[in-house]
Amino acid sequence: MKKTRAALKQALAPIVCVGEMLAERESNKTMQILEEQLTGAFSSFSQEEASKVVLAYEPVWAIGTGKVATPQQAQDAHAFIRGWWKKKFGEDLAKTVRIQYGGSVKADNIGILMREED
C-alpha cells in the first residue's frame, strides 16, 4: 500500500477502508472480500506501521445510498477485521486498533451502532 506508507512517512494517521459490493454481500462473500482486501493492503506491514493505521469498514453498497448495515452486520465485519488483525499483528495491536463504520451513519442510527462491541 504505497499511499498508506507515504502517509505514515509524513506522520499522518491513514484511514484504510475495506468493504464489499452489494452482490458480494448477497453472495455471502463479505468475509472473503475483507480478508482479500486486508491481506492485499497489509501483507508487508510491520507491527510498528500497523499500530499507526485506522481501519474503516465501508460497505460499498451503503455509501451514499441511504442503506445502512444492521448493527449485527457491522459488528460481524468489525469482529472479522479485528480477528484478522490479531492473527497478523498480535493480540495487543488487535485490542487497540481503531475500526470505524462509515456506511451512511446518521444521527438516528449512530447510537445503536456504537453499542456494538467492536
N, C-alpha and C. Protein backbone atom coordinates (compact mmCIF):
# COMPACT_ATOMS: atom_id res chain seq x y z
N MET A 1 0.82 -1.19 0.00
CA MET A 1 0.00 0.00 0.00
C MET A 1 0.86 1.24 0.00
N LYS A 2 1.18 1.69 -1.16
CA LYS A 2 2.09 2.82 -1.32
C LYS A 2 1.54 4.09 -0.66
N LYS A 3 0.27 4.37 -0.84
CA LYS A 3 -0.31 5.59 -0.28
C LYS A 3 -0.31 5.56 1.25
N THR A 4 -0.59 4.40 1.82
CA THR A 4 -0.60 4.28 3.28
C THR A 4 0.80 4.51 3.83
N ARG A 5 1.78 3.89 3.20
CA ARG A 5 3.17 4.08 3.65
C ARG A 5 3.61 5.53 3.46
N ALA A 6 3.22 6.15 2.37
CA ALA A 6 3.57 7.55 2.14
C ALA A 6 2.95 8.43 3.23
N ALA A 7 1.70 8.15 3.61
CA ALA A 7 1.06 8.92 4.68
C ALA A 7 1.80 8.72 6.00
N LEU A 8 2.19 7.49 6.29
CA LEU A 8 2.93 7.22 7.52
C LEU A 8 4.27 7.96 7.55
N LYS A 9 4.94 8.03 6.41
CA LYS A 9 6.23 8.73 6.34
C LYS A 9 6.07 10.23 6.60
N GLN A 10 4.88 10.74 6.36
CA GLN A 10 4.61 12.16 6.61
C GLN A 10 3.97 12.38 7.98
N ALA A 11 4.01 11.37 8.82
CA ALA A 11 3.47 11.41 10.19
C ALA A 11 1.96 11.63 10.20
N LEU A 12 1.28 11.15 9.17
CA LEU A 12 -0.18 11.18 9.13
C LEU A 12 -0.73 9.85 9.61
N ALA A 13 -1.95 9.85 10.10
CA ALA A 13 -2.62 8.60 10.50
C ALA A 13 -3.58 8.21 9.38
N PRO A 14 -3.16 7.30 8.52
CA PRO A 14 -4.03 6.94 7.40
C PRO A 14 -5.24 6.12 7.86
N ILE A 15 -6.35 6.35 7.18
CA ILE A 15 -7.55 5.55 7.38
C ILE A 15 -7.68 4.67 6.14
N VAL A 16 -7.60 3.37 6.36
CA VAL A 16 -7.68 2.41 5.26
C VAL A 16 -9.07 1.80 5.27
N CYS A 17 -9.78 1.96 4.15
CA CYS A 17 -11.16 1.48 4.05
C CYS A 17 -11.22 0.12 3.36
N VAL A 18 -12.05 -0.74 3.90
CA VAL A 18 -12.33 -2.04 3.30
C VAL A 18 -13.84 -2.23 3.28
N GLY A 19 -14.32 -2.98 2.32
CA GLY A 19 -15.76 -3.23 2.26
C GLY A 19 -16.16 -3.87 0.95
N GLU A 20 -17.32 -4.47 0.97
CA GLU A 20 -17.80 -5.27 -0.15
C GLU A 20 -18.88 -4.55 -0.95
N MET A 21 -19.06 -5.03 -2.19
CA MET A 21 -20.14 -4.58 -3.05
C MET A 21 -21.42 -5.33 -2.64
N LEU A 22 -22.56 -4.83 -3.09
CA LEU A 22 -23.84 -5.45 -2.73
C LEU A 22 -23.92 -6.91 -3.21
N ALA A 23 -23.48 -7.18 -4.43
CA ALA A 23 -23.53 -8.55 -4.95
C ALA A 23 -22.68 -9.49 -4.10
N GLU A 24 -21.57 -9.00 -3.58
CA GLU A 24 -20.71 -9.82 -2.73
C GLU A 24 -21.38 -10.08 -1.38
N ARG A 25 -22.05 -9.09 -0.84
CA ARG A 25 -22.79 -9.27 0.42
C ARG A 25 -23.89 -10.30 0.20
N GLU A 26 -24.64 -10.15 -0.88
CA GLU A 26 -25.76 -11.07 -1.15
C GLU A 26 -25.29 -12.49 -1.46
N SER A 27 -24.04 -12.64 -1.89
CA SER A 27 -23.47 -13.96 -2.17
C SER A 27 -22.71 -14.52 -0.96
N ASN A 28 -22.89 -13.88 0.20
CA ASN A 28 -22.22 -14.31 1.44
C ASN A 28 -20.70 -14.34 1.30
N LYS A 29 -20.15 -13.36 0.59
CA LYS A 29 -18.71 -13.30 0.37
C LYS A 29 -18.05 -12.16 1.15
N THR A 30 -18.77 -11.55 2.06
CA THR A 30 -18.25 -10.39 2.77
C THR A 30 -16.91 -10.68 3.43
N MET A 31 -16.83 -11.74 4.22
CA MET A 31 -15.60 -12.03 4.95
C MET A 31 -14.46 -12.40 4.01
N GLN A 32 -14.77 -13.09 2.94
CA GLN A 32 -13.75 -13.43 1.93
C GLN A 32 -13.19 -12.15 1.32
N ILE A 33 -14.05 -11.21 0.98
CA ILE A 33 -13.62 -9.94 0.39
C ILE A 33 -12.79 -9.15 1.38
N LEU A 34 -13.24 -9.09 2.63
CA LEU A 34 -12.48 -8.37 3.65
C LEU A 34 -11.09 -8.97 3.82
N GLU A 35 -11.02 -10.29 3.85
CA GLU A 35 -9.72 -10.95 4.00
C GLU A 35 -8.80 -10.63 2.83
N GLU A 36 -9.34 -10.68 1.63
CA GLU A 36 -8.54 -10.36 0.44
C GLU A 36 -8.04 -8.92 0.50
N GLN A 37 -8.90 -8.00 0.89
CA GLN A 37 -8.51 -6.60 0.95
C GLN A 37 -7.47 -6.36 2.04
N LEU A 38 -7.68 -6.91 3.22
CA LEU A 38 -6.73 -6.73 4.32
C LEU A 38 -5.38 -7.35 3.98
N THR A 39 -5.40 -8.55 3.41
CA THR A 39 -4.16 -9.22 3.04
C THR A 39 -3.41 -8.41 1.99
N GLY A 40 -4.13 -7.94 1.00
CA GLY A 40 -3.51 -7.13 -0.04
C GLY A 40 -2.93 -5.83 0.48
N ALA A 41 -3.61 -5.24 1.43
CA ALA A 41 -3.19 -3.93 1.95
C ALA A 41 -2.05 -4.03 2.96
N PHE A 42 -2.02 -5.09 3.75
CA PHE A 42 -1.11 -5.12 4.90
C PHE A 42 -0.14 -6.30 4.94
N SER A 43 -0.02 -7.04 3.86
CA SER A 43 0.82 -8.25 3.90
C SER A 43 2.27 -7.95 4.26
N SER A 44 2.77 -6.79 3.90
CA SER A 44 4.18 -6.50 4.17
C SER A 44 4.38 -5.44 5.26
N PHE A 45 3.33 -5.13 6.00
CA PHE A 45 3.43 -4.12 7.05
C PHE A 45 4.03 -4.70 8.33
N SER A 46 4.81 -3.91 8.99
CA SER A 46 5.35 -4.29 10.29
C SER A 46 4.32 -3.95 11.37
N GLN A 47 4.55 -4.46 12.57
CA GLN A 47 3.67 -4.12 13.69
C GLN A 47 3.71 -2.63 13.96
N GLU A 48 4.88 -2.04 13.87
CA GLU A 48 5.00 -0.59 14.12
C GLU A 48 4.16 0.20 13.12
N GLU A 49 4.24 -0.16 11.85
CA GLU A 49 3.43 0.53 10.84
C GLU A 49 1.95 0.32 11.11
N ALA A 50 1.58 -0.92 11.39
CA ALA A 50 0.17 -1.25 11.63
C ALA A 50 -0.40 -0.52 12.83
N SER A 51 0.43 -0.24 13.80
CA SER A 51 -0.05 0.43 15.01
C SER A 51 -0.49 1.87 14.76
N LYS A 52 -0.15 2.41 13.61
CA LYS A 52 -0.46 3.81 13.30
C LYS A 52 -1.61 3.96 12.31
N VAL A 53 -2.24 2.85 11.97
CA VAL A 53 -3.29 2.85 10.96
C VAL A 53 -4.66 2.78 11.63
N VAL A 54 -5.61 3.50 11.05
CA VAL A 54 -7.02 3.40 11.43
C VAL A 54 -7.71 2.63 10.31
N LEU A 55 -8.58 1.71 10.68
CA LEU A 55 -9.34 0.94 9.69
C LEU A 55 -10.78 1.44 9.64
N ALA A 56 -11.37 1.33 8.48
CA ALA A 56 -12.78 1.68 8.35
C ALA A 56 -13.48 0.60 7.54
N TYR A 57 -14.56 0.07 8.10
CA TYR A 57 -15.41 -0.85 7.34
C TYR A 57 -16.40 0.03 6.60
N GLU A 58 -16.28 0.06 5.29
CA GLU A 58 -17.11 0.89 4.43
C GLU A 58 -17.76 0.02 3.37
N PRO A 59 -18.88 -0.63 3.70
CA PRO A 59 -19.52 -1.45 2.67
C PRO A 59 -19.94 -0.55 1.50
N VAL A 60 -19.46 -0.86 0.32
CA VAL A 60 -19.69 -0.01 -0.85
C VAL A 60 -21.18 0.19 -1.09
N TRP A 61 -21.97 -0.84 -0.81
CA TRP A 61 -23.40 -0.78 -1.06
C TRP A 61 -24.10 0.21 -0.12
N ALA A 62 -23.45 0.67 0.92
CA ALA A 62 -24.08 1.58 1.88
C ALA A 62 -23.62 3.02 1.72
N ILE A 63 -22.64 3.26 0.89
CA ILE A 63 -22.09 4.61 0.76
C ILE A 63 -22.99 5.44 -0.15
N GLY A 64 -23.57 6.47 0.43
CA GLY A 64 -24.39 7.40 -0.32
C GLY A 64 -25.72 6.86 -0.80
N THR A 65 -26.10 5.67 -0.37
CA THR A 65 -27.35 5.07 -0.85
C THR A 65 -28.48 5.22 0.15
N GLY A 66 -28.12 5.59 1.39
CA GLY A 66 -29.12 5.61 2.45
C GLY A 66 -29.29 4.26 3.10
N LYS A 67 -28.70 3.22 2.51
CA LYS A 67 -28.75 1.89 3.12
C LYS A 67 -27.67 1.82 4.19
N VAL A 68 -27.98 1.13 5.26
CA VAL A 68 -27.05 1.01 6.37
C VAL A 68 -26.96 -0.46 6.77
N ALA A 69 -25.76 -0.91 7.04
CA ALA A 69 -25.61 -2.26 7.58
C ALA A 69 -26.34 -2.32 8.91
N THR A 70 -26.94 -3.43 9.20
CA THR A 70 -27.55 -3.59 10.52
C THR A 70 -26.42 -3.56 11.55
N PRO A 71 -26.74 -3.26 12.79
CA PRO A 71 -25.69 -3.32 13.81
C PRO A 71 -24.98 -4.67 13.83
N GLN A 72 -25.72 -5.76 13.63
CA GLN A 72 -25.10 -7.08 13.64
C GLN A 72 -24.18 -7.27 12.44
N GLN A 73 -24.58 -6.80 11.27
CA GLN A 73 -23.72 -6.91 10.09
C GLN A 73 -22.41 -6.13 10.31
N ALA A 74 -22.53 -4.92 10.84
CA ALA A 74 -21.34 -4.11 11.10
C ALA A 74 -20.46 -4.78 12.15
N GLN A 75 -21.08 -5.29 13.20
CA GLN A 75 -20.33 -5.97 14.26
C GLN A 75 -19.61 -7.19 13.71
N ASP A 76 -20.30 -7.99 12.91
CA ASP A 76 -19.68 -9.18 12.34
C ASP A 76 -18.46 -8.82 11.50
N ALA A 77 -18.58 -7.78 10.68
CA ALA A 77 -17.46 -7.34 9.85
C ALA A 77 -16.32 -6.82 10.72
N HIS A 78 -16.64 -6.02 11.72
CA HIS A 78 -15.61 -5.47 12.59
C HIS A 78 -14.91 -6.58 13.38
N ALA A 79 -15.67 -7.55 13.86
CA ALA A 79 -15.07 -8.67 14.59
C ALA A 79 -14.14 -9.46 13.68
N PHE A 80 -14.54 -9.66 12.44
CA PHE A 80 -13.69 -10.37 11.49
C PHE A 80 -12.39 -9.59 11.27
N ILE A 81 -12.51 -8.29 11.05
CA ILE A 81 -11.34 -7.44 10.83
C ILE A 81 -10.41 -7.50 12.04
N ARG A 82 -10.97 -7.39 13.24
CA ARG A 82 -10.15 -7.43 14.46
C ARG A 82 -9.47 -8.80 14.59
N GLY A 83 -10.18 -9.86 14.25
CA GLY A 83 -9.60 -11.21 14.30
C GLY A 83 -8.47 -11.37 13.30
N TRP A 84 -8.65 -10.82 12.12
CA TRP A 84 -7.58 -10.88 11.11
C TRP A 84 -6.37 -10.10 11.62
N TRP A 85 -6.62 -8.94 12.18
CA TRP A 85 -5.54 -8.09 12.72
C TRP A 85 -4.78 -8.84 13.82
N LYS A 86 -5.50 -9.57 14.64
CA LYS A 86 -4.88 -10.34 15.72
C LYS A 86 -3.94 -11.40 15.15
N LYS A 87 -4.40 -12.13 14.14
CA LYS A 87 -3.57 -13.17 13.53
C LYS A 87 -2.32 -12.57 12.89
N LYS A 88 -2.46 -11.43 12.28
CA LYS A 88 -1.35 -10.82 11.54
C LYS A 88 -0.39 -10.05 12.46
N PHE A 89 -0.94 -9.30 13.43
CA PHE A 89 -0.12 -8.38 14.19
C PHE A 89 -0.11 -8.64 15.70
N GLY A 90 -0.88 -9.62 16.15
CA GLY A 90 -0.86 -9.95 17.57
C GLY A 90 -2.03 -9.35 18.35
N GLU A 91 -2.25 -9.94 19.50
CA GLU A 91 -3.40 -9.58 20.32
C GLU A 91 -3.36 -8.13 20.81
N ASP A 92 -2.19 -7.66 21.20
CA ASP A 92 -2.10 -6.29 21.72
C ASP A 92 -2.56 -5.27 20.68
N LEU A 93 -2.08 -5.40 19.45
CA LEU A 93 -2.50 -4.46 18.41
C LEU A 93 -3.97 -4.65 18.04
N ALA A 94 -4.43 -5.88 18.07
CA ALA A 94 -5.83 -6.14 17.75
C ALA A 94 -6.77 -5.46 18.76
N LYS A 95 -6.34 -5.41 20.01
CA LYS A 95 -7.17 -4.77 21.04
C LYS A 95 -7.23 -3.26 20.86
N THR A 96 -6.18 -2.69 20.31
CA THR A 96 -6.10 -1.23 20.25
C THR A 96 -6.41 -0.61 18.90
N VAL A 97 -6.45 -1.42 17.84
CA VAL A 97 -6.71 -0.85 16.52
C VAL A 97 -8.11 -0.23 16.48
N ARG A 98 -8.19 0.97 15.93
CA ARG A 98 -9.48 1.64 15.79
C ARG A 98 -10.12 1.18 14.49
N ILE A 99 -11.35 0.68 14.60
CA ILE A 99 -12.11 0.26 13.43
C ILE A 99 -13.40 1.09 13.42
N GLN A 100 -13.58 1.86 12.37
CA GLN A 100 -14.76 2.72 12.25
C GLN A 100 -15.73 2.12 11.25
N TYR A 101 -17.01 2.42 11.45
CA TYR A 101 -18.01 2.07 10.44
C TYR A 101 -18.39 3.35 9.72
N GLY A 102 -18.39 3.30 8.42
CA GLY A 102 -18.63 4.54 7.68
C GLY A 102 -19.75 4.49 6.67
N GLY A 103 -20.60 3.50 6.69
CA GLY A 103 -21.64 3.41 5.67
C GLY A 103 -22.94 4.08 6.10
N SER A 104 -23.16 5.30 5.66
CA SER A 104 -24.42 6.02 5.90
C SER A 104 -24.77 6.13 7.38
N VAL A 105 -23.81 6.52 8.18
CA VAL A 105 -24.07 6.77 9.60
C VAL A 105 -24.77 8.11 9.73
N LYS A 106 -25.82 8.13 10.53
CA LYS A 106 -26.62 9.34 10.73
C LYS A 106 -26.91 9.50 12.21
N ALA A 107 -27.44 10.64 12.56
CA ALA A 107 -27.78 10.92 13.96
C ALA A 107 -28.76 9.89 14.52
N ASP A 108 -29.66 9.39 13.68
CA ASP A 108 -30.68 8.46 14.19
C ASP A 108 -30.22 6.99 14.25
N ASN A 109 -29.01 6.67 13.73
CA ASN A 109 -28.55 5.28 13.83
C ASN A 109 -27.21 5.14 14.55
N ILE A 110 -26.56 6.23 14.86
CA ILE A 110 -25.23 6.14 15.48
C ILE A 110 -25.28 5.47 16.85
N GLY A 111 -26.31 5.74 17.63
CA GLY A 111 -26.40 5.18 18.97
C GLY A 111 -26.42 3.66 18.97
N ILE A 112 -27.25 3.09 18.13
CA ILE A 112 -27.36 1.63 18.09
C ILE A 112 -26.09 0.99 17.52
N LEU A 113 -25.45 1.65 16.56
CA LEU A 113 -24.20 1.11 16.01
C LEU A 113 -23.07 1.18 17.06
N MET A 114 -23.04 2.23 17.84
CA MET A 114 -21.98 2.40 18.83
C MET A 114 -22.10 1.43 20.01
N ARG A 115 -23.25 0.83 20.17
CA ARG A 115 -23.43 -0.14 21.27
C ARG A 115 -22.74 -1.47 21.00
N GLU A 116 -22.37 -1.71 19.75
CA GLU A 116 -21.73 -2.97 19.41
C GLU A 116 -20.31 -3.03 19.97
N GLU A 117 -19.84 -4.23 20.25
CA GLU A 117 -18.55 -4.43 20.91
C GLU A 117 -17.36 -3.88 20.10
N ASP A 118 -17.34 -4.14 18.81
CA ASP A 118 -16.20 -3.75 18.00
C ASP A 118 -16.44 -2.48 17.21
